[in-house]
Protein backbone atom coordinates (compact mmCIF):
# COMPACT_ATOMS: atom_id res chain seq x y z
CA UNK A 1 0.54 24.81 10.89
CA UNK A 2 3.97 25.26 9.77
CA UNK A 3 4.81 21.58 11.07
CA UNK A 4 2.27 20.55 8.24
CA UNK A 5 3.76 22.61 5.73
CA UNK A 6 7.21 21.45 6.56
CA UNK A 7 6.18 17.93 6.21
CA UNK A 8 4.32 18.69 2.96
CA UNK A 9 7.59 19.76 1.44
CA UNK A 10 9.59 17.17 3.00
CA UNK A 11 6.97 14.68 1.75
CA UNK A 12 7.54 15.86 -1.94
CA UNK A 13 11.33 15.40 -1.55
CA UNK A 14 10.85 11.89 0.02
CA UNK A 15 8.30 10.98 -2.93
CA UNK A 16 10.89 11.85 -5.42
CA UNK A 17 13.27 9.50 -3.80
CA UNK A 18 10.69 6.80 -3.63
CA UNK A 19 9.99 7.31 -7.13
CA UNK A 20 13.75 7.27 -8.02
CA UNK A 21 14.18 3.99 -6.09
CA UNK A 22 11.22 2.60 -8.02
CA UNK A 23 12.83 3.76 -11.30
CA UNK A 24 15.96 2.19 -10.45
CA UNK A 25 14.42 -1.22 -9.93
CA UNK A 26 12.35 -1.12 -12.97
CA UNK A 27 15.58 -0.45 -15.03
CA UNK A 28 17.42 -3.27 -13.52
CA UNK A 29 14.34 -5.57 -14.31
CA UNK A 30 13.94 -4.51 -17.83
CA UNK A 31 11.13 -2.29 -17.48
CA UNK A 32 10.66 1.35 -18.69
CA UNK A 33 11.01 3.96 -15.84
CA UNK A 34 7.52 5.54 -14.09
CA UNK A 35 6.40 8.13 -16.69
CA UNK A 36 2.81 7.73 -16.94
CA UNK A 37 2.30 8.11 -13.06
CA UNK A 38 3.90 11.52 -13.46
CA UNK A 39 3.86 13.24 -9.70
CA UNK A 40 1.74 10.57 -8.13
CA UNK A 41 4.74 9.60 -5.58
CA UNK A 42 5.70 12.96 -4.51
CA UNK A 43 1.88 13.97 -4.06
CA UNK A 44 1.04 10.49 -2.33
CA UNK A 45 3.99 10.98 0.09
CA UNK A 46 3.09 14.64 0.67
CA UNK A 47 -0.21 14.09 1.35
CA UNK A 48 0.16 11.09 3.58
CA UNK A 49 2.82 12.92 5.55
CA UNK A 50 0.70 15.82 6.03
CA UNK A 51 -2.19 13.42 7.38
CA UNK A 52 0.12 11.55 9.73
CA UNK A 53 1.51 14.92 11.13
CA UNK A 54 -2.30 16.11 11.62
CA UNK A 55 -3.16 12.78 13.45
CA UNK A 56 0.02 11.70 15.42
CA UNK A 57 0.07 11.74 19.37
CA UNK A 58 3.52 10.89 20.08
CA UNK A 59 7.07 11.04 18.44
CA UNK A 60 7.14 7.37 17.72
CA UNK A 61 3.75 7.30 16.14
CA UNK A 62 4.65 10.35 13.88
CA UNK A 63 8.30 8.58 12.95
CA UNK A 64 6.43 5.21 12.25
CA UNK A 65 3.58 6.76 10.25
CA UNK A 66 5.81 8.73 7.88
CA UNK A 67 7.92 5.42 7.26
CA UNK A 68 4.82 3.45 6.50
CA UNK A 69 3.27 5.82 4.31
CA UNK A 70 6.54 6.30 2.43
CA UNK A 71 7.05 2.54 1.87
CA UNK A 72 3.30 2.14 0.97
CA UNK A 73 3.55 4.85 -1.89
CA UNK A 74 6.91 3.32 -3.04
CA UNK A 75 5.35 -0.34 -3.38
CA UNK A 76 2.00 0.85 -4.74
CA UNK A 77 4.04 2.87 -7.47
CA UNK A 78 5.87 -0.37 -8.55
CA UNK A 79 2.23 -2.27 -8.74
CA UNK A 80 0.55 0.19 -10.62
CA UNK A 81 3.62 0.51 -13.03
CA UNK A 82 4.10 -3.17 -13.57
CA UNK A 83 1.56 -5.28 -11.55
CA UNK A 84 4.15 -6.49 -9.55
CA UNK A 85 5.08 -6.39 -5.93
CA UNK A 86 8.87 -7.50 -5.56
CA UNK A 87 9.99 -9.41 -2.69
CA UNK A 88 12.76 -6.69 -2.33
CA UNK A 89 9.92 -4.19 -1.40
CA UNK A 90 7.47 -6.63 0.48
CA UNK A 91 9.69 -8.60 2.77
CA UNK A 92 12.09 -5.75 4.16
CA UNK A 93 8.73 -4.14 5.03
CA UNK A 94 7.59 -7.05 6.88
CA UNK A 95 11.09 -7.41 8.64
CA UNK A 96 10.81 -3.78 9.76
CA UNK A 97 7.27 -4.29 11.30
CA UNK A 98 8.41 -7.48 13.27
CA UNK A 99 11.36 -5.96 14.59
CA UNK A 100 9.30 -2.84 15.97
CA UNK A 101 6.95 -5.31 17.33
CA UNK A 102 9.66 -7.47 19.18
CA UNK A 103 11.36 -4.27 20.57
CA UNK A 104 7.96 -3.19 21.75
CA UNK A 105 6.85 -6.63 23.44
CA UNK A 106 4.02 -7.28 20.89
CA UNK A 107 5.57 -9.64 18.53
CA UNK A 108 3.10 -12.38 19.05
CA UNK A 109 0.10 -9.84 18.09
CA UNK A 110 1.77 -8.90 14.79
CA UNK A 111 2.66 -12.48 13.95
CA UNK A 112 -1.00 -13.63 14.42
CA UNK A 113 -2.21 -10.61 12.48
CA UNK A 114 0.24 -11.28 9.66
CA UNK A 115 -0.65 -15.13 9.61
CA UNK A 116 -4.18 -14.59 9.46
CA UNK A 117 -4.11 -11.94 7.02
CA UNK A 118 -1.87 -13.76 4.74
CA UNK A 119 -3.87 -17.13 5.09
CA UNK A 120 -6.89 -15.38 4.12
CA UNK A 121 -5.11 -13.82 0.85
CA UNK A 122 -3.38 -17.10 0.04
CA UNK A 123 -6.71 -19.02 0.04
CA UNK A 124 -8.07 -16.14 -2.32
CA UNK A 125 -5.04 -16.92 -4.48
CA UNK A 126 -5.45 -20.66 -4.55
CA UNK A 127 -9.25 -19.86 -5.53
CA UNK A 128 -8.60 -17.30 -8.12
CA UNK A 129 -4.76 -16.88 -9.09
CA UNK A 130 -5.93 -14.54 -11.81
CA UNK A 131 -7.40 -12.07 -9.36
CA UNK A 132 -5.04 -12.22 -6.22
CA UNK A 133 -1.48 -12.81 -7.07
CA UNK A 134 1.39 -14.12 -4.73
CA UNK A 135 2.92 -10.56 -4.40
CA UNK A 136 -0.61 -9.54 -2.82
CA UNK A 137 -0.12 -12.44 -0.36
CA UNK A 138 3.25 -11.43 0.46
CA UNK A 139 2.26 -7.86 0.90
CA UNK A 140 -0.30 -8.93 3.45
CA UNK A 141 2.38 -10.06 5.84
CA UNK A 142 3.78 -6.66 6.81
CA UNK A 143 0.18 -5.17 6.34
CA UNK A 144 -1.49 -7.75 8.61
CA UNK A 145 1.25 -7.30 11.20
CA UNK A 146 0.85 -3.63 11.08
CA UNK A 147 -2.90 -3.41 11.40
CA UNK A 148 -2.54 -6.15 14.11
CA UNK A 149 -0.42 -4.13 16.26
CA UNK A 150 -3.07 -1.55 15.98
CA UNK A 151 -6.06 -3.51 16.85
CA UNK A 152 -8.65 -5.97 15.72
CA UNK A 153 -11.19 -3.42 14.26
CA UNK A 154 -8.20 -1.84 12.08
CA UNK A 155 -7.36 -5.47 10.94
CA UNK A 156 -10.78 -6.19 9.91
CA UNK A 157 -11.56 -2.95 8.47
CA UNK A 158 -8.17 -2.95 6.32
CA UNK A 159 -9.24 -6.52 5.00
CA UNK A 160 -12.62 -5.62 4.04
CA UNK A 161 -11.98 -2.22 2.68
CA UNK A 162 -9.12 -3.17 0.29
CA UNK A 163 -11.40 -5.67 -1.33
CA UNK A 164 -14.28 -3.19 -1.57
CA UNK A 165 -11.87 -0.44 -3.27
CA UNK A 166 -10.51 -2.91 -5.65
CA UNK A 167 -13.91 -4.36 -6.53
CA UNK A 168 -15.20 -0.77 -7.09
CA UNK A 169 -12.46 0.00 -9.27
CA UNK A 170 -13.21 -3.19 -11.26
CA UNK A 171 -16.79 -2.05 -11.52
CA UNK A 172 -16.04 1.69 -12.81
CA UNK A 173 -13.45 0.08 -15.28
CA UNK A 174 -16.05 -2.41 -16.61
CA UNK A 175 -18.61 0.57 -17.03
CA UNK A 176 -15.93 2.70 -18.89
CA UNK A 177 -15.59 -0.23 -21.26
CA UNK A 178 -19.24 -0.55 -21.90
CA UNK A 179 -19.61 3.20 -22.60
CA UNK A 180 -17.06 3.09 -25.37
CA UNK A 181 -18.07 3.37 -28.92
CA UNK A 182 -18.20 -0.18 -30.70
CA UNK A 183 -15.77 1.43 -33.41
CA UNK A 184 -13.14 2.47 -30.53
CA UNK A 185 -10.26 -0.14 -30.24
CA UNK A 186 -10.47 -1.70 -26.80
CA UNK A 187 -6.93 -1.82 -24.98
CA UNK A 188 -5.71 -5.35 -24.08
CA UNK A 189 -6.95 -6.41 -20.55
CA UNK A 190 -4.69 -6.25 -17.65
CA UNK A 191 -5.01 -7.14 -14.10
CA UNK A 192 -6.28 -4.67 -11.40
CA UNK A 193 -3.37 -3.67 -9.08
CA UNK A 194 -4.77 -4.76 -5.52
CA UNK A 195 -1.63 -3.69 -3.87
CA UNK A 196 -2.44 0.07 -3.70
CA UNK A 197 -5.87 -0.72 -2.08
CA UNK A 198 -4.35 -2.91 0.36
CA UNK A 199 -1.81 0.10 1.30
CA UNK A 200 -4.63 2.44 1.34
CA UNK A 201 -7.00 0.30 3.29
CA UNK A 202 -4.32 -0.31 6.16
CA UNK A 203 -3.33 3.34 6.36
CA UNK A 204 -6.84 4.32 6.29
CA UNK A 205 -7.84 2.06 9.12
CA UNK A 206 -4.63 3.07 11.18
CA UNK A 207 -5.78 6.35 11.09
CA UNK A 208 -9.32 5.89 12.07
CA UNK A 209 -7.90 3.92 14.93
CA UNK A 210 -5.80 6.74 15.96
CA UNK A 211 -8.84 9.15 15.94
CA UNK A 212 -10.85 6.98 17.91
């Protein structure tokens, strides 16, 4: 119990660090700092770390799980703020996963998982660039490698559930627009951030695999 309390407190601090890194990137690239998202990064990391602490079965699993949650929250915060998934966030994550896979002797599994995952997302980008950006394709590399290491079921569920999450969010947004009064001004349409759905789906699929 106390371990989870410590993880929750540490997660709040780590989430604040993630937000600071995101804000620094936003300022360097001419964007405003994360204001509208308020305490989302802190709450996201704290919640994720508590879940990892409750599910882990080994020290390696705990450390890797904490790192993955932190990275997912950081990159999702950027995507929610400016609808971008920068190379400086996606590619280092891919390198870390592949280094871990190489050290554990499972590099080919990770490579195949990332290649197939990225290939599917690249095909979706070519068919509909407006709904699937290149940033999503690059994000699919580390997430495909990560879920591939966990197992084929986690890989497949991550792929499917991410699309379902984003599609569901799109339907909800459209229904809200239809429910507005005609006299109410309609805000400019912006693409739905798919990165958070991809990260949440990957983490959820991994957690489910740990449970089973």
